[in-house]
Protein backbone atom coordinates (compact mmCIF):
# COMPACT_ATOMS: atom_id res chain seq x y z
CA MET A 1 -35.59 19.21 11.92
CA SER A 2 -35.25 17.23 8.72
CA ASP A 3 -32.67 14.60 8.18
CA ASP A 4 -30.84 16.55 5.53
CA LYS A 5 -30.60 19.15 8.32
CA LYS A 6 -29.57 16.69 10.64
CA MET A 7 -26.94 14.80 8.80
CA LYS A 8 -25.26 18.63 7.73
CA GLN A 9 -25.24 19.69 11.34
CA SER A 10 -23.60 16.83 12.33
CA TRP A 11 -20.95 17.22 9.47
CA GLU A 12 -20.35 20.85 10.65
CA GLU A 13 -19.89 19.78 14.46
CA ASP A 14 -17.13 16.98 13.29
CA VAL A 15 -15.57 20.12 11.21
CA GLU A 16 -14.92 22.03 14.19
CA LYS A 17 -13.81 19.33 16.38
CA THR A 18 -11.62 18.22 13.36
CA LYS A 19 -10.22 21.72 13.33
CA LYS A 20 -9.06 22.03 16.68
CA ARG A 21 -6.71 19.26 16.14
CA PHE A 22 -6.09 19.83 12.64
CA PRO A 23 -6.30 23.57 11.51
CA GLU A 24 -7.18 24.49 8.17
CA ARG A 25 -4.19 25.27 6.05
CA LYS A 26 -6.03 28.49 5.12
CA GLU A 27 -8.79 30.82 6.60
CA THR A 28 -10.22 31.47 3.63
CA PHE A 29 -9.78 29.41 0.41
CA LYS A 30 -9.61 31.33 -3.18
CA THR A 31 -9.44 30.63 -6.94
CA SER A 32 -6.72 32.78 -8.85
CA SER A 33 -9.30 35.25 -9.63
CA GLU A 34 -10.32 36.04 -5.80
CA LEU A 35 -13.56 33.41 -5.93
CA THR A 36 -14.52 31.71 -2.71
CA VAL A 37 -13.88 28.02 -2.79
CA ASP A 38 -16.19 26.96 -0.23
CA ARG A 39 -15.53 23.79 1.62
CA LEU A 40 -17.78 21.28 0.54
CA TYR A 41 -20.78 21.59 -2.24
CA THR A 42 -23.86 19.79 -2.01
CA PRO A 43 -26.96 19.47 -4.55
CA ALA A 44 -29.73 22.30 -3.54
CA GLN A 45 -32.33 19.94 -2.77
CA GLU A 46 -30.94 16.66 -1.15
CA ASP A 47 -32.64 13.62 -1.20
CA SER A 48 -32.63 10.58 0.48
CA HIS A 49 -30.09 8.54 -2.00
CA TYR A 50 -27.80 11.72 -1.35
CA HIS A 51 -28.11 10.85 2.41
CA GLU A 52 -27.60 7.22 1.93
CA GLU A 53 -24.88 6.50 -0.92
CA ILE A 54 -23.25 9.80 -0.95
CA GLY A 55 -23.46 11.93 2.39
CA TYR A 56 -21.03 13.92 3.84
CA PRO A 57 -16.99 13.24 4.24
CA GLY A 58 -15.75 11.89 7.59
CA GLN A 59 -19.46 10.08 7.57
CA TYR A 60 -20.54 6.81 6.74
CA PRO A 61 -20.83 5.69 4.17
CA TYR A 62 -17.81 8.19 3.52
CA THR A 63 -18.17 8.03 -0.03
CA ARG A 64 -16.94 11.88 0.03
CA GLY A 65 -13.78 10.87 2.05
CA ILE A 66 -13.21 9.71 5.58
CA GLN A 67 -12.19 12.92 7.36
CA PRO A 68 -14.70 15.77 7.58
CA THR A 69 -12.20 18.34 6.79
CA MET A 70 -9.86 16.14 3.97
CA TYR A 71 -7.21 18.49 2.36
CA ARG A 72 -8.34 21.68 3.48
CA SER A 73 -6.46 20.74 7.17
CA ARG A 74 -3.54 18.07 5.99
CA TYR A 75 -2.33 17.09 2.78
CA TRP A 76 -1.81 13.36 1.98
CA THR A 77 1.09 11.92 3.12
CA MET A 78 3.67 12.47 -0.43
CA ARG A 79 5.72 8.91 0.61
CA GLN A 80 7.57 7.96 -2.18
CA TYR A 81 8.97 4.18 -2.70
CA ALA A 82 12.30 3.67 -2.68
CA GLY A 83 15.18 1.21 -2.36
CA PHE A 84 18.18 -0.41 -4.26
CA GLY A 85 21.46 -1.70 -3.62
CA SER A 86 22.53 -1.90 0.27
CA ALA A 87 21.56 -0.37 2.89
CA GLU A 88 23.49 2.77 3.09
CA GLU A 89 22.91 3.75 -0.73
CA THR A 90 18.98 3.87 0.09
CA ASN A 91 19.58 5.61 3.15
CA LYS A 92 21.09 8.24 1.46
CA ARG A 93 18.10 8.18 -0.95
CA PHE A 94 15.71 8.33 1.86
CA ARG A 95 17.50 11.26 3.26
CA TYR A 96 17.39 13.23 0.14
CA LEU A 97 13.73 12.48 -0.57
CA LEU A 98 13.40 13.72 3.18
CA GLU A 99 14.84 17.09 2.43
CA GLN A 100 13.15 17.43 -1.04
CA GLY A 101 9.71 17.66 1.23
CA GLN A 102 8.68 14.04 1.15
CA THR A 103 6.41 13.35 4.45
CA GLY A 104 7.02 9.66 4.61
CA LEU A 105 9.25 6.84 3.63
CA SER A 106 7.97 3.98 1.67
CA VAL A 107 10.85 0.89 1.42
CA ALA A 108 11.25 -1.34 -1.33
CA PHE A 109 13.02 -4.71 -0.77
CA ASP A 110 15.03 -6.72 -3.19
CA LEU A 111 14.11 -9.82 -4.44
CA PRO A 112 15.58 -12.49 -2.00
CA THR A 113 14.60 -10.36 0.75
CA GLN A 114 11.01 -10.78 -0.33
CA ILE A 115 10.95 -14.30 -0.45
CA GLY A 116 13.00 -14.86 2.55
CA TYR A 117 16.61 -15.87 1.43
CA ASP A 118 20.12 -14.14 2.71
CA SER A 119 22.21 -12.18 -0.05
CA ASP A 120 24.88 -15.32 0.31
CA ASP A 121 22.14 -17.83 -0.65
CA PRO A 122 22.49 -19.64 -3.87
CA MET A 123 18.93 -18.69 -4.79
CA ALA A 124 19.62 -15.12 -4.49
CA ASP A 125 22.62 -15.01 -7.35
CA GLY A 126 22.04 -12.14 -9.59
CA GLU A 127 19.37 -10.65 -7.75
CA VAL A 128 20.98 -8.85 -4.57
CA GLY A 129 20.19 -4.71 -4.20
CA LYS A 130 18.55 -5.51 -7.74
CA VAL A 131 14.98 -4.10 -7.88
CA GLY A 132 15.26 -3.11 -3.99
CA VAL A 133 17.22 -2.64 -0.67
CA ALA A 134 18.98 -6.06 0.67
CA ILE A 135 18.43 -6.62 4.22
CA ASP A 136 19.55 -9.39 5.69
CA SER A 137 20.35 -8.89 9.55
CA LEU A 138 19.31 -6.21 11.67
CA GLU A 139 22.71 -4.57 10.91
CA ASP A 140 21.20 -3.88 7.76
CA MET A 141 17.57 -2.28 9.04
CA GLU A 142 20.27 0.09 11.49
CA GLN A 143 22.25 1.34 8.44
CA LEU A 144 18.94 1.81 6.43
CA PHE A 145 17.45 3.96 9.02
CA ASP A 146 20.73 5.59 10.49
CA GLN A 147 19.92 9.68 11.56
CA ILE A 148 15.73 8.99 10.43
CA PRO A 149 13.82 9.45 13.66
CA LEU A 150 11.29 6.77 14.18
CA ASP A 151 9.38 8.86 15.83
CA GLN A 152 9.17 11.03 13.82
CA VAL A 153 8.66 9.57 10.04
CA SER A 154 6.04 6.97 9.26
CA THR A 155 7.30 4.02 7.06
CA SER A 156 5.56 1.82 4.85
CA MET A 157 7.26 -1.65 3.99
CA THR A 158 6.38 -3.49 0.98
CA ILE A 159 6.98 -6.77 2.27
CA ASN A 160 4.59 -9.51 2.29
CA ALA A 161 5.69 -13.36 2.99
CA PRO A 162 8.21 -12.59 5.53
CA ALA A 163 6.95 -9.15 6.81
CA SER A 164 6.89 -10.54 9.97
CA ILE A 165 10.31 -10.97 9.97
CA LEU A 166 11.38 -7.22 8.95
CA LEU A 167 8.23 -5.24 11.38
CA ALA A 168 10.71 -7.33 13.98
CA MET A 169 13.56 -5.37 12.57
CA TYR A 170 11.52 -2.24 12.60
CA ILE A 171 10.97 -2.45 16.14
CA ALA A 172 14.23 -3.73 17.04
CA VAL A 173 15.57 -0.57 15.39
CA GLY A 174 13.02 2.24 16.80
CA GLU A 175 13.83 0.28 20.79
CA LYS A 176 17.45 1.04 19.75
CA GLN A 177 16.57 4.41 19.05
CA GLY A 178 15.01 4.73 22.17
CA VAL A 179 11.34 4.91 20.63
CA ALA A 180 8.63 2.53 22.07
CA PRO A 181 6.75 0.55 19.93
CA GLU A 182 3.84 2.26 20.58
CA LYS A 183 5.26 5.13 19.09
CA LEU A 184 5.79 3.39 16.00
CA THR A 185 3.67 4.31 13.01
CA GLY A 186 3.61 2.93 9.51
CA THR A 187 2.45 -0.31 7.36
CA ILE A 188 3.31 -3.33 6.49
CA GLN A 189 1.89 -4.81 2.89
CA ASN A 190 1.84 -8.26 4.83
CA ASP A 191 -1.02 -9.51 2.12
CA ILE A 192 -0.50 -12.68 0.79
CA LEU A 193 -3.45 -13.47 -1.03
CA LYS A 194 -2.18 -11.02 -4.13
CA GLU A 195 0.73 -12.91 -3.82
CA TYR A 196 -0.71 -16.20 -4.63
CA ILE A 197 -2.99 -14.37 -7.12
CA ALA A 198 -0.74 -11.67 -8.97
CA ARG A 199 2.84 -11.18 -7.55
CA GLY A 200 4.48 -14.43 -6.92
CA THR A 201 6.68 -13.73 -3.57
CA TYR A 202 5.22 -16.04 -1.31
CA ILE A 203 6.87 -18.66 0.86
CA TYR A 204 4.19 -20.59 2.99
CA PRO A 205 0.99 -22.18 2.21
CA PRO A 206 -2.10 -20.37 2.21
CA LYS A 207 -2.96 -21.77 5.86
CA PRO A 208 0.39 -21.05 7.72
CA SER A 209 0.67 -17.76 5.93
CA MET A 210 -3.19 -16.88 7.05
CA ARG A 211 -1.71 -17.97 10.26
CA LEU A 212 1.37 -15.48 10.53
CA ILE A 213 -0.75 -12.69 9.57
CA THR A 214 -3.51 -13.06 11.95
CA ASP A 215 -0.55 -13.17 14.77
CA ILE A 216 0.84 -9.86 13.62
CA PHE A 217 -3.29 -8.45 14.03
CA GLU A 218 -2.95 -9.75 17.50
CA TYR A 219 0.30 -8.69 18.64
CA CYS A 220 0.04 -5.05 17.27
CA GLN A 221 -3.10 -4.53 18.73
CA THR A 222 -1.32 -4.63 22.00
CA HIS A 223 2.39 -3.40 21.40
CA LEU A 224 2.33 -1.28 18.11
CA PRO A 225 -1.36 0.12 18.15
CA LYS A 226 -0.33 2.87 15.29
CA PHE A 227 0.82 0.46 12.94
CA ASN A 228 -1.29 -0.57 10.47
CA THR A 229 -0.79 -4.62 10.61
CA ILE A 230 -1.61 -4.87 6.70
CA SER A 231 -2.10 -3.15 3.24
CA ILE A 232 -4.53 -5.30 1.29
CA SER A 233 -3.26 -4.48 -1.99
CA GLY A 234 -5.02 -4.08 -5.27
CA TYR A 235 -1.98 -2.49 -6.97
CA HIS A 236 -0.45 -5.79 -7.97
CA ILE A 237 -3.59 -7.17 -9.19
CA ARG A 238 -4.01 -3.98 -11.40
CA GLU A 239 -0.51 -4.38 -12.65
CA ALA A 240 -1.06 -7.87 -13.69
CA GLY A 241 -3.85 -6.81 -15.96
CA SER A 242 -6.82 -6.21 -14.08
CA THR A 243 -9.80 -4.39 -14.83
CA ALA A 244 -10.73 -1.38 -12.41
CA VAL A 245 -13.83 -3.12 -11.25
CA GLN A 246 -11.80 -6.43 -10.97
CA GLU A 247 -9.21 -4.71 -8.51
CA VAL A 248 -11.68 -3.13 -6.44
CA ALA A 249 -13.99 -6.66 -5.93
CA PHE A 250 -11.05 -8.83 -5.35
CA THR A 251 -9.13 -6.36 -2.86
CA LEU A 252 -12.18 -6.24 -0.82
CA ALA A 253 -12.54 -9.83 -1.17
CA ASN A 254 -9.29 -10.76 0.39
CA GLY A 255 -10.18 -7.85 3.29
CA MET A 256 -12.95 -10.10 3.90
CA ALA A 257 -10.99 -13.40 4.26
CA TYR A 258 -8.34 -11.60 6.54
CA VAL A 259 -11.15 -10.35 8.66
CA ASP A 260 -12.71 -13.81 8.36
CA ALA A 261 -9.76 -15.23 9.47
CA ALA A 262 -9.13 -13.00 12.55
CA ILE A 263 -12.31 -13.52 13.46
CA GLU A 264 -11.84 -16.84 13.73
CA ALA A 265 -8.64 -16.63 15.58
CA GLY A 266 -10.73 -15.02 18.42
CA LEU A 267 -9.92 -11.68 17.60
CA GLU A 268 -12.92 -9.09 18.00
CA VAL A 269 -13.44 -6.81 14.54
CA ASP A 270 -13.31 -3.23 16.51
CA GLN A 271 -10.07 -4.79 17.95
CA PHE A 272 -7.84 -5.21 14.94
CA ALA A 273 -10.10 -3.65 11.95
CA PRO A 274 -9.27 0.07 12.69
CA ARG A 275 -5.74 -0.62 11.65
CA LEU A 276 -6.59 -2.36 8.13
CA ALA A 277 -5.49 -0.30 5.41
CA PHE A 278 -5.24 -0.52 1.36
CA PHE A 279 -3.52 0.08 -1.36
CA PHE A 280 -4.55 0.65 -5.25
CA ASN A 281 -3.22 1.54 -8.71
CA ALA A 282 -3.98 4.52 -10.66
CA HIS A 283 -4.48 4.13 -14.47
CA ASN A 284 -4.79 6.54 -17.31
CA GLN A 285 -8.68 6.73 -17.18
CA PHE A 286 -9.05 9.59 -14.80
CA PHE A 287 -12.65 9.78 -14.27
CA GLU A 288 -12.80 5.85 -13.87
CA GLU A 289 -9.99 5.83 -11.60
CA ALA A 290 -11.66 9.03 -9.31
CA ALA A 291 -14.90 6.51 -9.27
CA LYS A 292 -12.95 3.72 -8.60
CA PHE A 293 -11.38 4.77 -5.19
CA ARG A 294 -14.90 6.23 -3.90
CA ALA A 295 -16.88 3.49 -4.63
CA ALA A 296 -14.33 1.22 -2.81
CA ARG A 297 -14.82 3.28 0.02
CA ARG A 298 -18.12 3.05 0.28
CA MET A 299 -18.72 -0.73 -0.37
CA TRP A 300 -15.90 -1.01 2.81
CA ALA A 301 -18.30 0.65 5.03
CA LYS A 302 -21.17 -1.60 4.28
CA ILE A 303 -19.47 -4.58 4.75
CA MET A 304 -17.70 -3.85 7.70
CA LYS A 305 -21.09 -2.35 9.38
CA GLU A 306 -23.65 -4.47 7.90
CA GLN A 307 -21.44 -7.50 7.27
CA TYR A 308 -19.04 -7.77 10.31
CA GLY A 309 -21.37 -5.55 13.01
CA ALA A 310 -18.34 -3.72 13.57
CA ARG A 311 -19.60 -0.60 16.08
CA ASN A 312 -16.40 1.81 16.09
CA PRO A 313 -16.67 4.18 12.92
CA LYS A 314 -12.88 3.55 12.38
CA SER A 315 -13.45 0.26 11.50
CA TRP A 316 -15.78 1.24 8.77
CA LYS A 317 -13.34 3.92 7.14
CA LEU A 318 -11.28 2.66 4.17
CA ARG A 319 -7.44 4.39 4.32
CA PHE A 320 -5.57 3.54 1.34
CA HIS A 321 -2.59 4.58 -0.45
CA THR A 322 -2.11 5.00 -3.87
CA GLN A 323 0.70 4.30 -6.45
CA THR A 324 0.76 5.88 -9.95
CA GLY A 325 0.52 2.99 -12.65
CA GLY A 326 3.98 0.95 -13.31
CA SER A 327 2.67 -0.57 -15.83
CA THR A 328 1.04 2.24 -17.81
CA LEU A 329 5.05 3.34 -18.08
CA THR A 330 6.22 3.36 -21.61
CA ALA A 331 10.02 2.95 -22.70
CA GLN A 332 9.11 4.73 -25.53
CA GLN A 333 9.57 8.80 -24.81
CA PRO A 334 9.94 8.61 -21.71
CA ASP A 335 9.44 12.07 -20.74
CA ASN A 336 5.78 11.40 -21.80
CA ASN A 337 5.24 9.36 -18.47
CA ILE A 338 5.70 12.28 -16.41
CA VAL A 339 2.06 13.18 -18.17
CA ARG A 340 0.86 9.59 -17.28
CA VAL A 341 1.56 10.60 -13.99
CA THR A 342 0.31 13.56 -13.28
CA LEU A 343 -3.12 12.50 -14.53
CA GLN A 344 -2.99 9.17 -12.19
CA ALA A 345 -2.11 11.25 -9.20
CA LEU A 346 -4.73 13.90 -9.50
CA ALA A 347 -6.72 11.31 -9.98
CA ALA A 348 -6.03 9.56 -6.65
CA VAL A 349 -6.39 13.12 -4.86
CA MET A 350 -9.87 13.78 -6.38
CA GLY A 351 -10.75 10.26 -5.22
CA GLY A 352 -9.27 11.23 -1.66
CA THR A 353 -6.41 9.12 -0.99
CA GLN A 354 -4.25 9.10 2.27
CA SER A 355 -1.13 8.77 0.99
CA LEU A 356 0.45 8.47 -2.77
CA HIS A 357 3.68 7.39 -4.59
CA THR A 358 4.49 8.92 -7.78
CA ASN A 359 6.13 6.94 -10.27
CA SER A 360 9.12 8.13 -12.17
CA ARG A 361 9.20 8.88 -15.82
CA ASP A 362 12.00 6.41 -16.54
CA GLU A 363 10.99 3.21 -14.55
CA ALA A 364 10.07 1.34 -17.96
CA LEU A 365 14.12 1.36 -18.04
CA ALA A 366 15.74 1.06 -14.65
CA LEU A 367 15.35 2.02 -11.54
CA PRO A 368 14.62 5.93 -11.17
CA THR A 369 17.23 8.06 -11.06
CA GLU A 370 17.68 10.66 -8.41
CA GLU A 371 16.91 13.73 -10.67
CA SER A 372 13.68 11.35 -11.92
CA ALA A 373 12.43 10.88 -8.18
CA ARG A 374 12.86 14.49 -7.64
CA ILE A 375 10.68 15.03 -10.25
CA ALA A 376 8.07 12.58 -9.56
CA LEU A 377 7.46 14.32 -5.97
CA ARG A 378 7.41 17.81 -7.48
CA THR A 379 4.55 16.26 -9.38
CA GLN A 380 2.84 15.65 -6.23
CA GLN A 381 3.89 19.08 -4.60
CA ILE A 382 2.36 21.02 -7.52
CA ILE A 383 -0.91 19.28 -7.14
CA ALA A 384 -1.13 20.09 -3.61
CA ASN A 385 0.41 23.71 -3.82
CA GLU A 386 -0.56 24.87 -7.29
CA SER A 387 -3.90 23.18 -8.67
CA GLY A 388 -6.51 23.87 -5.73
CA ALA A 389 -7.54 20.57 -6.32
CA ALA A 390 -7.00 20.26 -2.91
CA ASP A 391 -8.74 23.16 -1.52
CA THR A 392 -12.08 21.82 -1.80
CA ILE A 393 -13.56 18.30 -0.64
CA ASP A 394 -14.39 15.73 -3.30
CA PRO A 395 -14.43 18.22 -6.00
CA LEU A 396 -15.87 15.68 -8.77
CA GLY A 397 -19.03 14.77 -5.92
CA GLY A 398 -22.29 15.20 -7.53
CA SER A 399 -21.06 15.18 -11.16
CA TYR A 400 -23.72 12.93 -13.42
CA TYR A 401 -20.65 10.83 -14.81
CA VAL A 402 -18.26 10.41 -11.98
CA GLU A 403 -21.77 9.59 -9.42
CA SER A 404 -22.79 7.13 -12.62
CA LEU A 405 -19.45 5.72 -12.77
CA THR A 406 -19.68 4.93 -8.75
CA ASP A 407 -22.59 3.10 -8.45
CA GLN A 408 -21.80 1.30 -11.87
CA ILE A 409 -18.12 0.15 -10.57
CA GLU A 410 -20.46 -0.77 -6.77
CA LYS A 411 -22.54 -2.67 -8.80
CA GLU A 412 -20.18 -4.69 -10.56
CA ALA A 413 -17.82 -5.29 -8.20
CA ASN A 414 -20.09 -6.61 -5.95
CA ASP A 415 -21.48 -9.13 -8.18
CA TYR A 416 -17.80 -10.46 -8.16
CA ILE A 417 -18.03 -10.70 -4.71
CA GLU A 418 -21.03 -12.72 -4.55
CA ARG A 419 -19.56 -15.32 -7.16
CA ILE A 420 -16.36 -14.99 -5.06
CA ARG A 421 -18.78 -16.06 -1.96
CA LYS A 422 -20.44 -18.92 -3.89
CA LEU A 423 -17.09 -20.66 -4.08
CA GLY A 424 -16.46 -20.81 -0.46
CA GLY A 425 -14.55 -17.12 -0.30
CA ALA A 426 -11.36 -15.64 -1.57
CA VAL A 427 -9.04 -18.03 -0.09
CA GLN A 428 -10.94 -20.86 -2.23
CA ALA A 429 -10.94 -18.76 -5.07
CA VAL A 430 -7.28 -18.28 -5.22
CA GLU A 431 -6.75 -22.14 -4.72
CA GLU A 432 -9.43 -22.85 -7.45
CA GLY A 433 -7.81 -19.82 -9.74
CA PHE A 434 -10.53 -18.01 -10.52
CA MET A 435 -8.81 -14.60 -9.82
CA GLN A 436 -6.10 -15.30 -11.97
CA ARG A 437 -8.16 -16.66 -15.01
CA GLU A 438 -10.42 -13.28 -14.86
CA ILE A 439 -7.00 -11.23 -14.81
CA HIS A 440 -5.12 -12.82 -17.57
CA THR A 441 -8.74 -12.76 -19.91
CA ALA A 442 -9.05 -8.92 -18.73
CA ALA A 443 -5.36 -8.62 -20.10
CA TYR A 444 -5.67 -10.48 -22.66
CA GLU A 445 -8.51 -8.49 -24.31
CA ALA A 446 -6.78 -5.49 -23.54
CA GLN A 447 -3.49 -6.15 -25.65
CA LYS A 448 -5.96 -7.60 -28.02
CA ARG A 449 -7.50 -3.68 -27.84
CA MET A 450 -3.83 -2.26 -27.97
CA GLU A 451 -2.61 -3.95 -30.83
CA ALA A 452 -5.92 -3.34 -32.89
CA LYS A 453 -5.25 0.45 -32.25
CA GLU A 454 -9.00 0.43 -30.41
CA ASP A 455 -6.93 1.97 -27.11
CA ILE A 456 -4.20 4.20 -28.14
CA VAL A 457 -1.16 4.14 -26.15
CA VAL A 458 0.95 7.54 -26.85
CA GLY A 459 4.88 6.56 -28.39
CA LEU A 460 3.90 2.89 -28.36
CA ASN A 461 1.09 1.92 -31.05
CA GLU A 462 0.86 5.36 -32.40
CA PHE A 463 2.71 8.60 -32.64
CA GLN A 464 6.30 7.08 -32.83
CA VAL A 465 9.31 8.86 -33.02
CA ASP A 466 12.73 7.52 -33.74
CA GLU A 467 14.86 7.82 -30.77
CA GLU A 468 17.84 6.44 -28.66
CA ILE A 469 17.85 4.96 -24.95
CA GLN A 470 18.58 7.03 -22.54
CA ALA A 471 22.22 6.75 -21.59
CA ASP A 472 21.89 8.22 -17.57
CA LEU A 473 19.91 5.02 -16.21
CA LEU A 474 20.86 4.02 -12.68
CA ARG A 475 22.70 0.86 -12.77
CA VAL A 476 23.45 -1.21 -9.25
CA ASP A 477 27.16 -1.92 -9.23
CA GLU A 478 27.74 -5.65 -9.66
CA ALA A 479 30.27 -5.34 -6.62
CA LEU A 480 27.48 -4.80 -4.48
CA GLU A 481 26.82 -8.13 -4.22
CA LYS A 482 29.85 -9.54 -2.96
CA SER A 483 29.96 -6.22 -0.65
CA GLN A 484 26.45 -7.27 0.62
CA ILE A 485 27.50 -11.29 1.04
CA GLN A 486 30.89 -10.03 3.17
CA LYS A 487 28.59 -8.06 5.47
CA THR A 488 26.31 -10.75 5.89
CA LYS A 489 29.30 -13.25 6.68
CA GLN A 490 31.11 -10.78 9.44
CA VAL A 491 27.76 -10.51 11.25
CA ARG A 492 27.47 -14.65 11.50
CA LYS A 493 30.96 -14.58 13.07
CA THR A 494 30.58 -11.64 15.09
CA ARG A 495 27.35 -12.38 16.52
CA ASP A 496 26.50 -14.93 19.55
CA GLN A 497 25.93 -18.25 18.04
CA THR A 498 24.41 -20.23 21.00
CA VAL A 499 21.68 -17.07 21.78
CA VAL A 500 20.42 -17.17 18.00
CA ASP A 501 20.49 -21.45 17.84
CA GLY A 502 18.23 -20.68 21.55
CA THR A 503 15.83 -17.96 19.93
CA LEU A 504 15.50 -19.81 16.12
CA GLY A 505 14.48 -23.08 18.63
CA ALA A 506 12.20 -21.35 20.29
CA LEU A 507 10.49 -19.87 17.25
CA ARG A 508 10.53 -23.44 15.80
CA GLU A 509 8.69 -24.73 18.90
CA ALA A 510 6.24 -21.99 18.74
CA ALA A 511 5.89 -22.38 14.56
CA ARG A 512 4.65 -26.14 15.95
CA SER A 513 2.48 -24.97 18.49
CA ARG A 514 -0.27 -22.18 18.41
CA ASP A 515 1.54 -19.82 20.51
CA ASN A 516 2.09 -16.11 18.19
CA VAL A 517 5.43 -16.23 16.81
CA MET A 518 5.96 -12.46 16.81
CA PRO A 519 7.67 -12.69 20.38
CA TYR A 520 10.28 -15.30 18.99
CA ILE A 521 10.76 -13.75 15.85
CA LEU A 522 11.85 -10.49 17.36
CA ASN A 523 14.02 -11.91 20.27
CA ALA A 524 15.97 -13.71 16.93
CA VAL A 525 16.06 -10.86 14.93
CA LYS A 526 17.88 -9.12 18.16
CA ALA A 527 19.84 -11.62 18.51
CA TYR A 528 20.82 -11.12 14.50
CA ALA A 529 19.59 -14.12 13.26
CA THR A 530 19.18 -13.48 9.31
CA VAL A 531 16.09 -13.21 7.20
CA GLY A 532 17.38 -16.47 5.66
CA GLU A 533 17.55 -18.52 9.00
CA ILE A 534 14.01 -17.02 10.09
CA ALA A 535 12.09 -17.74 7.04
CA GLY A 536 14.04 -21.33 6.70
CA VAL A 537 12.38 -22.32 10.47
CA MET A 538 9.40 -21.51 9.24
CA ARG A 539 9.95 -23.23 5.77
CA GLU A 540 10.72 -26.32 7.73
CA GLU A 541 7.83 -26.46 9.92
CA PHE A 542 5.18 -24.64 7.66
CA GLY A 543 5.80 -26.15 4.35
CA GLU A 544 6.66 -23.95 1.37
CA TYR A 545 3.82 -23.29 -1.81
CA THR A 546 4.91 -24.23 -4.99
CA GLY A 547 2.08 -22.79 -6.75
CA MET A 548 -1.00 -24.30 -8.47
């Protein structure tokens, strides 16, 4: 039997195995004209390039997707990012979105929580609950997930420097609900390198930050085997102004740095690599974006198999969440953003994303209203159920243009990775400001093109109209900050301070040693130590990063 027939037969066997676990949504898929839609389309005469670089879904190098049947069995997870004000308010939004058909939660935390300060800290003044939900103690986390069964819902948390603390709180809430840690599913972002590069919500210097990440890897492989221990994020790199190529290159380079750190910490690659996840942006260049996802998937498979010698196929698979591009939204003519988001979401689906957040039309002006959040969710549901895009696998595969773009993105991104390797790796490149300079240059060039009208942004630099700012924007009540501060002070009054002091002291000793800090953080969280108190202990022991 020829190699091409063997590969096809192997894929067909995988399809039958997958269908037993996840039956396809229909017996036969058809267009509106009753034309049959096949599961997969391939060249009439397959050649070695097709097998080596494109291949079949669910098979190395995964260019066409990481699952044999992709969306014919299950749609991507529709995971709308939400969080504002208090835990109670955000809980209401979560439950509303779940009622509207959302299939996973994604938590936005306010700025003080993201940088490890409690709401009553002077550093938090004016920022409590503004860009996300305020979480100070386990009590807030309990209220955030009230009446939400954690054994049935997957939760993503966009948290980085204090990821260990918020993960411990999530574990503790699960236990209070009677859900064992091994049954919890979800993702913590936990990607500190892109914070130094593009976003800025770091606390500790790079070395102890990497230690915290590998401690989480080690802890979760034993206690939370279904939880994604990191979401290596290109999203914020792209939001800072990078190109699509830079987004892929810098994200995968950061991923390699985390793999290196985990191996150096004594972990086996096939023990932690299957739980690595990624997070990408989707912008308006439809075909480039779809090709970007295909290229990134192929590149990561080769990196893990060829460079790190991973043997488990799960270690080769790049599983990723996508969010549509916040920086592409305009305050002018905000309804136009619905069209932009639709294009971006469709590109992510065409590129084979595992989960997706669609931005709301009013996010260039404020946090989304309930109506705007519903329209954003409906955008995903229409793509899934009405467009036919999910009925065949990798529908753009084989396009001369898309395959060429996929190859070009892979080449250019690999050239960047080689430059980073010569600098000593991603951590060294970050410390030297290499990635930051490249992003700033790309952003500057893009701004010049827009100002010269070489790139048209509808409603911004062309096709403008006179308009009034929307009146029905979401505003966070200023009284929330006082209420949250009072709640946190009440927690401190009612807890057993002796127990809290003991757990924080034990955490301090663990931070000084090489003990894994996760069990100590979990004990502190259960004693109702606050985010600021726990982060404060580690600030004192690890130091604080002040930038370049």
